[in-house]
Amino acid sequence: MRAASFVTKVGSTAGLRPNSPDVAVVSEPTLGATLRTKGRFYFLCEVAPAAAPAGQLAREVADLARQEYYYDLSAGIEVSLRRALRQANRRAAQRLRDQRGRVTLHCACAVFVNNELYASRIGAARVFLVRRARLFLPGDQPGELADFVHRTTTREAASLGVEADVLPDVWRQTIEPGDTLILAAGALTERLGAEALKNAAVTLHPRAAAEHIHNRAIADGVAGSDAALFIEITAAPAAAERLRAEPAPPPEAEEVVIAETIRSRLDWIWRRRPHLGRAIEAAAAPATRAVGKGVAVGLELMPRRSTALPRHPDTARQRSRRQRRAASLLAVVLLLVAGGIGALAYRDYAAQRVGGDYTLAIIAVENDLSSARRSADRKPPDVDAARDRLTHAQAKLDEAARSPIADQAKVAALRDELAKIDDDITGVVVDLARVLPGAKPAAIVGNLNGLYVTDPGVGRLWRIFGDPAQTGVVLAQGARDVGVPRLVATFGDAVYALDDQQHLWRAQGDKVADVTPDAAADTWKRVASFSVFAANLYVLDAATASTSIGTASRATSRRPSRRMPPPPSPSTATSGS
């Protein structure tokens, strides 16, 4: 029985991704003898990682495998294919010896001879066969098809060149019209899945399927290779068509016959067009002569231009003058062009110089800040050296800020870093001006919960706690009728603050209460300081030079218990032993 004849349609992603190191070799001989004996050769080589500069090595391995396969005529297809893959593995092992595992190669190979398929793979590359819209894997035995849906194990293989001598398994299967063979990279199969390859092969042309898989790989962010080769097998009807008798031509339609009749009559009229042309010319001759005479009369009636007198020949002096004028004009034009080019060059030079100065200033600032940071981190810190570097960095930063191309965000970030280093050297725990612009701290006390600072500048009572130091707001102007905090004192875990409205506030935990004594308005004139001791409130009134005492709660204060005498004058002061 004569073997069936097949044709293939191939689609590859090799040309869709520029600068890709993956290699796809498609060899379909044009000679009938080679096609019958050695068949069609397809080879896919995957390079991992995808950005590795191993494209030349992959191309060399693929060409060596194809050459060794077609060169070996001493054995069958299976033996020749296995020998070609072993030669490619040896070459890869020699070339990858210096890479020390940084680059790995994976290959998949397939050969179509008459109506048989031979396939093999080394590494993570995969071979699939799509038959009747179902996806199959090569089985363990020749001719065995393993359904991809019902697979139970995943066979792993060492990559190309890992072992110096490898014996690849060659799978043999009879092909049918309509089958599609897929050679795909391992990274593509793991990320997109084999079902995506099957759907593309079933619904699209091989070239369209390759382009679709490439676009899916880009959209899904496949990190590795997206190499894939789609080979669709169809029956070739050419041999049967050569033996078939040529069919009789169908009868012409009625509209075609009518159109041909009309065309033949028009051709008969067109062939006699010289006679019609002469008749039209004879009929139009009187009118043409009349129109011509009328146009001639009209031209004669138009005003005429004066007759030009003959010019005297130019003298040598006039020609020399014109040449000098032309040379002078050309020199002026060249001078203007040169001046314009010089101006553009100078502007470009100035721009480059400004950019270079700015870049050098920024680099100097960063170097100074790094040096200051190292000096500050020493044990013990070298404060003098750190301050010298900060002073130099401040000068360079001011110079960079004045540049017309200065990046204000970058300058601001460097200023913040400089100020932070300066704070670390000085021993600043918290800079409230950075937390809230306009801060002006006035008084500070502390207890086990942290430090409490009054800030009349922004109307806050701050709490500074933790390591590293953190800031929080205990009282804020305007919240709960709180005025501007001026003075602060502590008693146990409670904090007492006096605002500019002579109101005393107590903050304990998350509760804030107004504990101003009832007689405070009549007693306090201008509070200079206060303290809480043993649940008693002691207030120093600067206006009356007196000290008031009351309870540190919402209770009526007692009358002043003691009035401090006025300070003695210098004339009455005496000394004692």
Protein backbone atom coordinates (compact mmCIF):
# COMPACT_ATOMS: atom_id res chain seq x y z
CA MET A 1 0.00 0.00 0.00
CA ARG A 2 1.34 3.40 -0.98
CA ALA A 3 2.18 5.66 2.01
CA ALA A 4 0.03 8.73 2.48
CA SER A 5 1.51 12.10 1.57
CA PHE A 6 1.44 14.90 4.14
CA VAL A 7 2.14 18.61 4.19
CA THR A 8 2.98 20.70 7.25
CA LYS A 9 2.14 24.22 8.38
CA VAL A 10 4.59 25.68 10.89
CA GLY A 11 4.26 28.59 13.31
CA SER A 12 7.06 29.75 15.61
CA THR A 13 7.56 32.46 18.23
CA ALA A 14 11.28 32.73 17.42
CA GLY A 15 10.92 35.83 15.26
CA LEU A 16 8.35 37.61 17.45
CA ARG A 17 10.63 38.41 20.37
CA PRO A 18 13.66 40.55 19.43
CA ASN A 19 17.05 39.69 20.95
CA SER A 20 15.70 36.38 22.26
CA PRO A 21 18.45 33.76 22.79
CA ASP A 22 16.03 30.88 22.03
CA VAL A 23 16.51 29.05 18.73
CA ALA A 24 13.93 27.25 16.59
CA VAL A 25 15.22 25.26 13.57
CA VAL A 26 12.79 24.14 10.87
CA SER A 27 14.34 21.98 8.15
CA GLU A 28 12.02 20.74 5.38
CA PRO A 29 14.10 19.34 2.48
CA THR A 30 13.03 20.16 -1.05
CA LEU A 31 14.59 17.03 -2.59
CA GLY A 32 12.20 14.14 -2.77
CA ALA A 33 14.86 11.53 -1.91
CA THR A 34 15.94 13.35 1.26
CA LEU A 35 12.32 13.97 2.22
CA ARG A 36 11.48 10.25 1.87
CA THR A 37 14.59 8.95 3.69
CA LYS A 38 15.30 11.54 6.40
CA GLY A 39 12.05 13.51 6.54
CA ARG A 40 11.40 16.92 8.11
CA PHE A 41 13.50 18.00 11.10
CA TYR A 42 12.26 20.39 13.83
CA PHE A 43 14.42 21.48 16.77
CA LEU A 44 13.65 23.91 19.64
CA CYS A 45 16.39 25.08 22.06
CA GLU A 46 15.41 27.03 25.19
CA VAL A 47 17.97 29.20 27.04
CA ALA A 48 17.45 29.79 30.78
CA PRO A 49 17.53 32.43 32.07
CA ALA A 50 15.99 34.20 29.08
CA ALA A 51 18.37 37.17 29.34
CA ALA A 52 21.54 35.02 29.31
CA PRO A 53 23.97 35.76 26.44
CA ALA A 54 23.91 32.18 25.16
CA GLY A 55 22.08 32.64 21.86
CA GLN A 56 25.17 31.80 19.81
CA LEU A 57 25.69 28.58 21.76
CA ALA A 58 22.03 27.60 21.30
CA ARG A 59 22.31 28.26 17.53
CA GLU A 60 25.51 26.19 17.38
CA VAL A 61 23.91 23.26 19.23
CA ALA A 62 20.80 23.36 17.01
CA ASP A 63 22.82 23.48 13.77
CA LEU A 64 25.06 20.64 14.99
CA ALA A 65 22.05 18.44 15.78
CA ARG A 66 20.47 19.09 12.36
CA GLN A 67 23.76 18.49 10.51
CA GLU A 68 24.56 15.27 12.39
CA TYR A 69 21.04 13.94 11.79
CA TYR A 70 21.08 14.49 8.01
CA TYR A 71 24.71 13.41 7.71
CA ASP A 72 24.21 10.01 9.39
CA LEU A 73 22.95 7.60 6.70
CA SER A 74 24.22 4.39 8.27
CA ALA A 75 21.25 3.59 10.50
CA GLY A 76 17.53 4.19 10.91
CA ILE A 77 15.75 7.35 11.91
CA GLU A 78 15.67 6.55 15.62
CA VAL A 79 19.39 5.79 15.83
CA SER A 80 20.34 8.84 13.76
CA LEU A 81 18.22 11.14 15.91
CA ARG A 82 19.68 9.72 19.14
CA ARG A 83 23.24 10.14 17.82
CA ALA A 84 22.55 13.73 16.77
CA LEU A 85 21.20 14.63 20.22
CA ARG A 86 24.17 12.98 21.94
CA GLN A 87 26.59 14.99 19.78
CA ALA A 88 24.67 18.21 20.63
CA ASN A 89 24.79 17.31 24.35
CA ARG A 90 28.57 16.76 24.21
CA ARG A 91 29.08 20.12 22.48
CA ALA A 92 26.89 21.86 25.06
CA ALA A 93 28.80 20.19 27.92
CA GLN A 94 32.10 21.46 26.50
CA ARG A 95 30.86 25.03 26.00
CA LEU A 96 28.93 25.29 29.30
CA ARG A 97 31.82 24.08 31.43
CA ASP A 98 33.01 27.67 32.06
CA GLN A 99 29.50 28.99 32.84
CA ARG A 100 29.38 27.11 36.19
CA GLY A 101 25.64 26.61 36.10
CA ARG A 102 24.69 30.20 35.23
CA VAL A 103 23.20 29.14 31.86
CA THR A 104 21.14 26.04 31.13
CA LEU A 105 19.88 24.71 27.79
CA HIS A 106 16.73 22.64 27.19
CA CYS A 107 15.82 21.15 23.83
CA ALA A 108 12.93 19.34 22.17
CA CYS A 109 13.24 17.65 18.78
CA ALA A 110 10.81 16.06 16.31
CA VAL A 111 11.20 14.31 12.92
CA PHE A 112 8.41 13.53 10.40
CA VAL A 113 9.26 10.70 7.98
CA ASN A 114 6.46 9.63 5.65
CA ASN A 115 3.62 8.89 8.09
CA GLU A 116 5.68 8.43 11.27
CA LEU A 117 6.73 10.83 14.00
CA TYR A 118 9.91 10.58 16.07
CA ALA A 119 10.24 12.92 19.07
CA SER A 120 12.67 13.38 21.95
CA ARG A 121 13.59 15.99 24.54
CA ILE A 122 16.44 16.84 26.93
CA GLY A 123 15.73 19.11 29.90
CA ALA A 124 12.58 21.04 30.74
CA ALA A 125 11.33 21.54 27.15
CA ARG A 126 8.07 19.68 26.43
CA VAL A 127 6.58 17.77 23.48
CA PHE A 128 2.78 17.59 23.03
CA LEU A 129 0.57 15.99 20.37
CA VAL A 130 -2.90 17.39 19.74
CA ARG A 131 -5.19 14.80 18.12
CA ARG A 132 -8.94 15.22 17.76
CA ALA A 133 -8.90 18.23 20.13
CA ARG A 134 -7.23 16.19 22.88
CA LEU A 135 -3.76 16.75 24.31
CA PHE A 136 -1.35 13.81 24.56
CA LEU A 137 2.16 13.30 25.90
CA PRO A 138 4.75 10.82 24.61
CA GLY A 139 4.27 7.49 26.30
CA ASP A 140 6.84 5.18 27.85
CA GLN A 141 6.73 2.77 24.88
CA PRO A 142 6.84 3.44 21.11
CA GLY A 143 3.36 4.08 19.78
CA GLU A 144 1.93 4.79 23.24
CA LEU A 145 -0.06 8.00 23.81
CA ALA A 146 -0.50 9.32 27.34
CA ASP A 147 -3.53 11.54 27.85
CA PHE A 148 -2.43 14.82 29.45
CA VAL A 149 -5.62 15.03 31.54
CA HIS A 150 -5.11 11.58 33.13
CA ARG A 151 -1.35 11.79 33.67
CA THR A 152 -0.17 10.74 37.13
CA THR A 153 3.55 11.52 37.08
CA THR A 154 5.78 14.23 35.67
CA ARG A 155 9.03 13.07 34.15
CA GLU A 156 12.01 15.34 34.82
CA ALA A 157 15.18 15.28 32.73
CA ALA A 158 18.58 16.88 33.17
CA SER A 159 19.25 19.93 31.02
CA LEU A 160 21.43 19.87 27.92
CA GLY A 161 25.14 19.62 28.76
CA VAL A 162 24.77 18.74 32.47
CA GLU A 163 25.91 15.17 31.89
CA ALA A 164 28.78 14.54 29.49
CA ASP A 165 27.12 11.44 28.01
CA VAL A 166 23.35 11.05 27.90
CA LEU A 167 21.11 8.51 26.15
CA PRO A 168 17.89 10.30 25.20
CA ASP A 169 14.61 8.42 24.79
CA VAL A 170 13.09 8.56 21.29
CA TRP A 171 9.31 8.23 21.07
CA ARG A 172 7.77 6.88 17.87
CA GLN A 173 4.15 7.37 16.81
CA THR A 174 2.09 7.04 13.62
CA ILE A 175 0.66 10.38 12.57
CA GLU A 176 -2.77 11.14 11.15
CA PRO A 177 -4.09 14.04 9.09
CA GLY A 178 -5.17 16.85 11.39
CA ASP A 179 -2.58 16.18 14.12
CA THR A 180 -0.67 19.12 15.58
CA LEU A 181 2.71 18.71 17.26
CA ILE A 182 3.77 21.33 19.82
CA LEU A 183 7.35 21.89 20.98
CA ALA A 184 7.27 24.33 23.91
CA ALA A 185 9.68 25.77 26.45
CA GLY A 186 9.37 24.60 30.05
CA ALA A 187 8.86 28.13 31.45
CA LEU A 188 6.01 28.75 29.00
CA THR A 189 4.29 25.49 29.93
CA GLU A 190 4.57 26.13 33.66
CA ARG A 191 3.16 29.69 33.49
CA LEU A 192 0.45 29.44 30.80
CA GLY A 193 -0.36 25.75 31.13
CA ALA A 194 -0.66 23.06 28.49
CA GLU A 195 -4.39 23.78 27.98
CA ALA A 196 -3.60 27.23 26.61
CA LEU A 197 -1.27 25.63 24.04
CA LYS A 198 -3.93 23.09 23.10
CA ASN A 199 -6.67 25.73 22.67
CA ALA A 200 -4.41 27.84 20.47
CA ALA A 201 -3.46 24.82 18.31
CA VAL A 202 -7.10 23.70 17.91
CA THR A 203 -8.65 27.09 17.09
CA LEU A 204 -5.94 28.99 15.21
CA HIS A 205 -3.55 28.65 12.29
CA PRO A 206 -0.04 27.67 13.48
CA ARG A 207 1.41 31.14 12.81
CA ALA A 208 -1.57 32.82 14.48
CA ALA A 209 -1.33 30.35 17.38
CA ALA A 210 2.36 31.21 17.89
CA GLU A 211 1.59 34.93 17.86
CA HIS A 212 -1.32 34.41 20.30
CA ILE A 213 0.88 32.44 22.73
CA HIS A 214 3.57 35.12 22.50
CA ASN A 215 1.05 37.86 23.35
CA ARG A 216 -0.34 35.77 26.22
CA ALA A 217 3.17 35.28 27.61
CA ILE A 218 3.78 39.04 27.55
CA ALA A 219 0.40 39.79 29.15
CA ASP A 220 0.85 37.18 31.92
CA GLY A 221 4.43 38.28 32.61
CA VAL A 222 6.21 35.00 31.81
CA ALA A 223 9.65 35.50 33.34
CA GLY A 224 11.46 32.84 31.34
CA SER A 225 11.40 31.75 27.72
CA ASP A 226 8.23 31.86 25.58
CA ALA A 227 9.60 29.74 22.74
CA ALA A 228 7.03 27.50 21.07
CA LEU A 229 6.79 25.66 17.74
CA PHE A 230 3.37 24.62 16.29
CA ILE A 231 3.44 22.02 13.46
CA GLU A 232 0.09 21.15 11.85
CA ILE A 233 -0.06 18.02 9.67
CA THR A 234 -2.55 17.81 6.81
CA ALA A 235 -3.01 15.41 3.91
CA ALA A 236 -1.51 16.41 0.56
CA PRO A 237 -4.08 15.95 -2.25
CA ALA A 238 -1.61 16.88 -5.02
CA ALA A 239 -0.81 13.31 -6.14
CA ALA A 240 -4.47 12.38 -6.59
CA GLU A 241 -5.22 15.57 -8.44
CA ARG A 242 -2.57 14.85 -11.11
CA LEU A 243 -4.37 11.64 -12.13
CA ARG A 244 -7.81 13.14 -12.29
CA ALA A 245 -9.18 14.10 -15.76
CA GLU A 246 -9.63 17.77 -16.44
CA PRO A 247 -13.33 18.63 -15.91
CA ALA A 248 -15.39 20.02 -18.78
CA PRO A 249 -15.85 23.77 -18.65
CA PRO A 250 -19.27 24.80 -17.34
CA PRO A 251 -21.68 26.47 -19.76
CA GLU A 252 -21.55 30.24 -19.82
CA ALA A 253 -24.30 32.10 -18.07
CA GLU A 254 -26.95 34.05 -20.01
CA GLU A 255 -25.76 37.45 -18.75
CA VAL A 256 -22.24 36.65 -19.95
CA VAL A 257 -23.53 35.89 -23.46
CA ILE A 258 -25.52 39.18 -23.57
CA ALA A 259 -22.47 41.17 -22.39
CA GLU A 260 -20.26 39.59 -25.06
CA THR A 261 -22.79 40.47 -27.79
CA ILE A 262 -22.90 44.11 -26.70
CA ARG A 263 -19.09 44.24 -26.50
CA SER A 264 -18.71 42.83 -30.07
CA ARG A 265 -21.04 45.51 -31.50
CA LEU A 266 -19.19 48.30 -29.71
CA ASP A 267 -15.93 46.93 -31.09
CA TRP A 268 -17.40 47.09 -34.62
CA ILE A 269 -18.28 50.76 -34.12
CA TRP A 270 -14.85 51.51 -32.62
CA ARG A 271 -13.06 49.98 -35.61
CA ARG A 272 -14.79 52.53 -37.85
CA ARG A 273 -13.83 55.56 -35.75
CA PRO A 274 -11.47 57.14 -38.46
CA HIS A 275 -14.43 57.76 -40.79
CA LEU A 276 -16.44 59.33 -37.99
CA GLY A 277 -13.48 61.52 -37.02
CA ARG A 278 -13.08 62.91 -40.53
CA ALA A 279 -16.80 63.66 -40.77
CA ILE A 280 -16.74 65.54 -37.45
CA GLU A 281 -13.67 67.53 -38.55
CA ALA A 282 -15.33 68.53 -41.86
CA ALA A 283 -18.47 69.69 -40.02
CA ALA A 284 -16.53 71.70 -37.43
CA ALA A 285 -14.04 73.33 -39.87
CA PRO A 286 -16.08 76.57 -40.49
CA ALA A 287 -16.63 77.12 -36.79
CA THR A 288 -12.92 76.49 -36.06
CA ARG A 289 -11.83 79.07 -38.66
CA ALA A 290 -14.28 81.66 -37.26
CA VAL A 291 -13.08 81.13 -33.69
CA GLY A 292 -9.43 81.36 -34.78
CA LYS A 293 -9.97 84.68 -36.60
CA GLY A 294 -11.84 86.11 -33.58
CA VAL A 295 -8.99 85.19 -31.22
CA ALA A 296 -6.43 86.77 -33.62
CA VAL A 297 -8.42 90.03 -33.79
CA GLY A 298 -8.64 90.15 -30.00
CA LEU A 299 -4.89 89.71 -29.65
CA GLU A 300 -4.27 92.55 -32.14
CA LEU A 301 -6.50 94.90 -30.14
CA MET A 302 -4.53 94.32 -26.90
CA PRO A 303 -1.91 97.01 -25.95
CA ARG A 304 1.60 96.18 -27.05
CA ARG A 305 4.79 96.42 -25.03
CA SER A 306 7.56 98.77 -26.17
CA THR A 307 10.33 97.27 -28.20
CA ALA A 308 13.34 96.33 -26.11
CA LEU A 309 16.52 98.07 -27.21
CA PRO A 310 19.64 96.00 -27.61
CA ARG A 311 21.87 96.06 -24.55
CA HIS A 312 25.47 97.05 -24.70
CA PRO A 313 27.87 94.26 -23.93
CA ASP A 314 29.17 94.21 -20.34
CA THR A 315 32.68 95.48 -19.73
CA ALA A 316 35.31 93.68 -17.68
CA ARG A 317 34.93 96.24 -14.88
CA GLN A 318 31.17 95.58 -14.58
CA ARG A 319 31.69 91.82 -14.54
CA SER A 320 34.40 92.20 -11.90
CA ARG A 321 32.10 94.42 -9.81
CA ARG A 322 29.30 91.85 -9.97
CA GLN A 323 31.69 89.05 -8.96
CA ARG A 324 32.99 91.07 -6.00
CA ARG A 325 29.42 91.86 -4.95
CA ALA A 326 28.46 88.19 -5.13
CA ALA A 327 31.59 87.17 -3.20
CA SER A 328 30.90 89.78 -0.52
CA LEU A 329 27.28 88.63 -0.19
CA LEU A 330 28.39 85.01 0.05
CA ALA A 331 30.99 85.95 2.71
CA VAL A 332 28.34 87.77 4.75
CA VAL A 333 26.02 84.74 4.53
CA LEU A 334 28.81 82.39 5.56
CA LEU A 335 29.72 84.70 8.44
CA LEU A 336 26.12 84.74 9.65
CA VAL A 337 25.86 80.95 9.37
CA ALA A 338 29.16 80.52 11.25
CA GLY A 339 28.00 82.94 13.92
CA GLY A 340 24.74 81.06 14.36
CA ILE A 341 26.55 77.72 14.61
CA GLY A 342 28.98 79.24 17.11
CA ALA A 343 26.12 80.63 19.20
CA LEU A 344 24.41 77.22 19.25
CA ALA A 345 27.68 75.51 20.16
CA TYR A 346 28.35 78.01 22.96
CA ARG A 347 24.83 77.61 24.30
CA ASP A 348 25.22 73.85 24.27
CA TYR A 349 28.62 74.19 25.98
CA ALA A 350 27.16 76.51 28.60
CA ALA A 351 24.26 74.13 29.22
CA GLN A 352 26.64 71.18 29.52
CA ARG A 353 28.86 73.15 31.87
CA VAL A 354 25.93 74.17 34.06
CA GLY A 355 24.73 70.58 34.18
CA GLY A 356 28.24 69.32 34.97
CA ASP A 357 28.74 71.87 37.75
CA TYR A 358 25.38 70.96 39.26
CA THR A 359 26.15 67.23 39.10
CA LEU A 360 29.59 67.74 40.66
CA ALA A 361 28.09 69.89 43.43
CA ILE A 362 25.48 67.22 44.24
CA ILE A 363 28.15 64.50 44.26
CA ALA A 364 30.34 66.61 46.57
CA VAL A 365 27.39 67.16 48.92
CA GLU A 366 26.61 63.44 49.03
CA ASN A 367 30.28 62.61 49.69
CA ASP A 368 30.47 65.20 52.48
CA LEU A 369 27.28 63.88 54.06
CA SER A 370 28.60 60.32 53.93
CA SER A 371 31.89 61.43 55.49
CA ALA A 372 30.05 63.39 58.21
CA ARG A 373 27.87 60.37 58.94
CA ARG A 374 30.92 58.12 59.31
CA SER A 375 32.62 60.64 61.61
CA ALA A 376 29.46 60.88 63.74
CA ASP A 377 29.15 57.08 63.97
CA ARG A 378 32.66 56.59 65.30
CA LYS A 379 33.28 55.56 68.91
CA PRO A 380 33.89 58.20 70.23
CA PRO A 381 32.32 60.52 67.59
CA ASP A 382 34.64 62.90 65.74
CA VAL A 383 32.40 65.96 66.10
CA ASP A 384 34.89 68.51 64.73
CA ALA A 385 35.50 66.58 61.51
CA ALA A 386 31.77 65.97 61.07
CA ARG A 387 30.99 69.68 61.47
CA ASP A 388 33.70 70.63 58.96
CA ARG A 389 32.17 68.25 56.39
CA LEU A 390 28.68 69.59 57.13
CA THR A 391 29.87 73.19 56.66
CA HIS A 392 31.45 72.29 53.32
CA ALA A 393 28.32 70.34 52.32
CA GLN A 394 26.10 73.33 53.21
CA ALA A 395 28.17 75.63 50.97
CA LYS A 396 28.06 73.18 48.06
CA LEU A 397 24.32 72.62 48.56
CA ASP A 398 23.66 76.36 48.41
CA GLU A 399 25.71 76.51 45.21
CA ALA A 400 23.70 73.64 43.70
CA ALA A 401 20.39 75.25 44.74
CA ARG A 402 21.29 78.39 42.78
CA SER A 403 21.75 76.38 39.56
CA PRO A 404 19.03 77.01 36.93
CA ILE A 405 18.58 73.25 36.44
CA ALA A 406 18.51 72.41 40.14
CA ASP A 407 16.13 69.66 41.23
CA GLN A 408 14.45 71.30 44.20
CA ALA A 409 13.12 68.00 45.51
CA LYS A 410 16.65 66.54 45.52
CA VAL A 411 18.04 69.68 47.18
CA ALA A 412 15.32 69.60 49.84
CA ALA A 413 16.04 65.92 50.56
CA LEU A 414 19.76 66.67 50.96
CA ARG A 415 18.96 69.60 53.26
CA ASP A 416 16.83 67.34 55.44
CA GLU A 417 19.60 64.76 55.61
CA LEU A 418 22.15 67.48 56.51
CA ALA A 419 19.88 68.79 59.25
CA LYS A 420 19.36 65.28 60.58
CA ILE A 421 23.10 64.64 60.82
CA ASP A 422 23.55 68.02 62.48
CA ASP A 423 20.88 67.10 65.02
CA ASP A 424 22.57 63.77 65.70
CA ILE A 425 25.90 65.52 66.32
CA THR A 426 24.35 68.23 68.51
CA GLY A 427 22.31 65.69 70.50
CA VAL A 428 18.86 66.90 69.48
CA VAL A 429 16.22 64.38 70.49
CA VAL A 430 13.26 65.87 68.63
CA ASP A 431 13.12 68.99 66.44
CA LEU A 432 9.56 70.23 66.90
CA ALA A 433 10.03 72.79 64.11
CA ARG A 434 10.20 69.87 61.69
CA VAL A 435 7.14 68.22 63.15
CA LEU A 436 5.07 71.42 62.84
CA PRO A 437 6.51 74.64 61.30
CA GLY A 438 6.37 77.65 63.65
CA ALA A 439 6.93 75.67 66.85
CA LYS A 440 8.44 77.67 69.75
CA PRO A 441 8.79 75.50 72.89
CA ALA A 442 8.61 77.39 76.21
CA ALA A 443 8.57 74.96 79.17
CA ILE A 444 9.47 71.30 79.72
CA VAL A 445 8.89 68.75 82.49
CA GLY A 446 9.17 64.99 82.63
CA ASN A 447 7.97 61.86 84.37
CA LEU A 448 8.00 58.13 83.74
CA ASN A 449 5.73 58.55 80.71
CA GLY A 450 8.09 60.92 78.89
CA LEU A 451 8.82 64.61 78.44
CA TYR A 452 6.04 67.24 78.20
CA VAL A 453 6.77 70.49 76.37
CA THR A 454 4.52 73.55 76.06
CA ASP A 455 4.62 75.24 72.66
CA PRO A 456 2.87 78.66 72.53
CA GLY A 457 4.04 79.07 68.92
CA VAL A 458 1.61 76.47 67.56
CA GLY A 459 -0.64 76.12 70.62
CA ARG A 460 0.34 72.54 71.54
CA LEU A 461 1.35 70.54 74.61
CA TRP A 462 3.74 67.92 73.22
CA ARG A 463 4.66 64.56 74.66
CA ILE A 464 8.06 63.10 73.71
CA PHE A 465 8.55 59.42 74.50
CA GLY A 466 10.10 56.18 73.29
CA ASP A 467 13.45 55.20 71.74
CA PRO A 468 13.73 56.32 69.02
CA ALA A 469 11.92 59.42 70.18
CA GLN A 470 8.30 59.86 69.13
CA THR A 471 6.02 62.86 69.52
CA GLY A 472 2.38 63.13 70.44
CA VAL A 473 -0.10 65.92 71.15
CA VAL A 474 -1.61 66.04 74.63
CA LEU A 475 -3.42 69.41 74.37
CA ALA A 476 -4.15 71.45 71.27
CA GLN A 477 -5.41 75.01 71.02
CA GLY A 478 -9.09 75.19 70.14
CA ALA A 479 -9.90 71.60 71.12
CA ARG A 480 -12.28 71.45 74.16
CA ASP A 481 -11.91 75.24 74.66
CA VAL A 482 -8.18 74.84 75.38
CA GLY A 483 -6.15 78.01 74.98
CA VAL A 484 -2.45 78.34 74.27
CA PRO A 485 -0.51 76.10 76.74
CA ARG A 486 2.10 78.16 78.61
CA LEU A 487 3.17 76.23 81.71
CA VAL A 488 3.29 72.53 82.52
CA ALA A 489 3.80 70.40 85.66
CA THR A 490 3.43 66.72 86.54
CA PHE A 491 2.21 64.77 89.54
CA GLY A 492 2.50 61.01 89.28
CA ASP A 493 1.19 59.96 85.87
CA ALA A 494 -0.98 63.07 85.54
CA VAL A 495 0.09 66.14 83.57
CA TYR A 496 -1.15 69.66 84.44
CA ALA A 497 -0.99 72.52 81.91
CA LEU A 498 -1.91 76.18 82.30
CA ASP A 499 -3.03 78.07 79.17
CA ASP A 500 -3.08 81.79 78.38
CA GLN A 501 -6.72 82.03 79.62
CA GLN A 502 -5.64 81.08 83.20
CA HIS A 503 -7.32 77.67 82.85
CA LEU A 504 -5.68 74.65 84.42
CA TRP A 505 -6.03 71.36 82.49
CA ARG A 506 -5.26 67.87 83.69
CA ALA A 507 -4.40 65.08 81.22
CA GLN A 508 -4.30 61.52 82.55
CA GLY A 509 -4.40 58.57 80.18
CA ASP A 510 -6.76 59.49 77.34
CA LYS A 511 -8.88 61.85 79.49
CA VAL A 512 -8.52 65.65 79.59
CA ALA A 513 -10.37 67.71 82.27
CA ASP A 514 -10.54 71.36 83.26
CA VAL A 515 -9.43 71.49 86.95
CA THR A 516 -9.17 75.28 87.33
CA PRO A 517 -9.99 76.29 90.93
CA ASP A 518 -13.18 78.31 91.35
CA ALA A 519 -11.42 81.32 92.92
CA ALA A 520 -8.65 81.36 90.30
CA ALA A 521 -10.14 84.33 88.44
CA ASP A 522 -10.13 86.45 91.65
CA THR A 523 -6.77 85.26 92.92
CA TRP A 524 -4.48 84.81 89.88
CA LYS A 525 -3.28 87.94 88.09
CA ARG A 526 -0.24 86.86 86.13
CA VAL A 527 0.93 83.30 86.79
CA ALA A 528 4.69 82.94 86.38
CA SER A 529 4.96 79.31 87.47
CA PHE A 530 3.04 76.56 89.25
CA SER A 531 3.69 73.16 90.73
CA VAL A 532 1.69 70.19 92.01
CA PHE A 533 2.91 68.49 95.15
CA ALA A 534 1.08 66.08 97.43
CA ALA A 535 -2.20 66.80 95.57
CA ASN A 536 -1.75 70.52 96.34
CA LEU A 537 -1.48 73.20 93.67
CA TYR A 538 1.10 75.93 94.23
CA VAL A 539 0.85 78.98 91.98
CA LEU A 540 3.47 81.76 91.75
CA ASP A 541 1.78 85.06 90.81
CA ALA A 542 4.34 87.45 89.28
CA ALA A 543 1.95 90.46 89.43
CA THR A 544 1.32 90.31 93.19
CA ALA A 545 4.55 88.50 94.14
CA SER A 546 2.46 85.94 96.06
CA THR A 547 2.06 82.21 96.21
CA SER A 548 -1.39 80.62 96.16
CA ILE A 549 -2.14 77.12 97.30
CA GLY A 550 -5.12 74.95 96.40
CA THR A 551 -6.03 71.37 95.58
CA ALA A 552 -5.06 69.93 92.22
CA SER A 553 -8.70 69.06 91.44
CA ARG A 554 -11.93 70.80 90.65
CA ALA A 555 -12.30 72.34 94.11
CA THR A 556 -12.46 75.81 95.58
CA SER A 557 -8.98 77.10 96.31
CA ARG A 558 -8.10 78.59 99.62
CA ARG A 559 -7.14 82.15 100.10
CA PRO A 560 -3.47 83.00 99.69
CA SER A 561 -1.65 81.44 102.61
CA ARG A 562 1.42 83.54 102.23
CA ARG A 563 2.37 86.68 100.51
CA MET A 564 5.98 86.90 99.53
CA PRO A 565 7.65 90.20 100.58
CA PRO A 566 8.90 92.46 97.85
CA PRO A 567 12.57 92.09 96.97
CA PRO A 568 14.86 94.38 99.04
CA SER A 569 16.39 97.36 97.38
CA PRO A 570 20.12 97.36 96.79
CA SER A 571 20.56 100.12 99.41
CA THR A 572 19.04 98.06 102.23
CA ALA A 573 20.62 94.69 101.39
CA THR A 574 22.93 93.28 104.08
CA SER A 575 25.16 90.28 104.20
CA GLY A 576 25.32 87.64 106.86
CA SER A 577 27.60 84.81 107.74
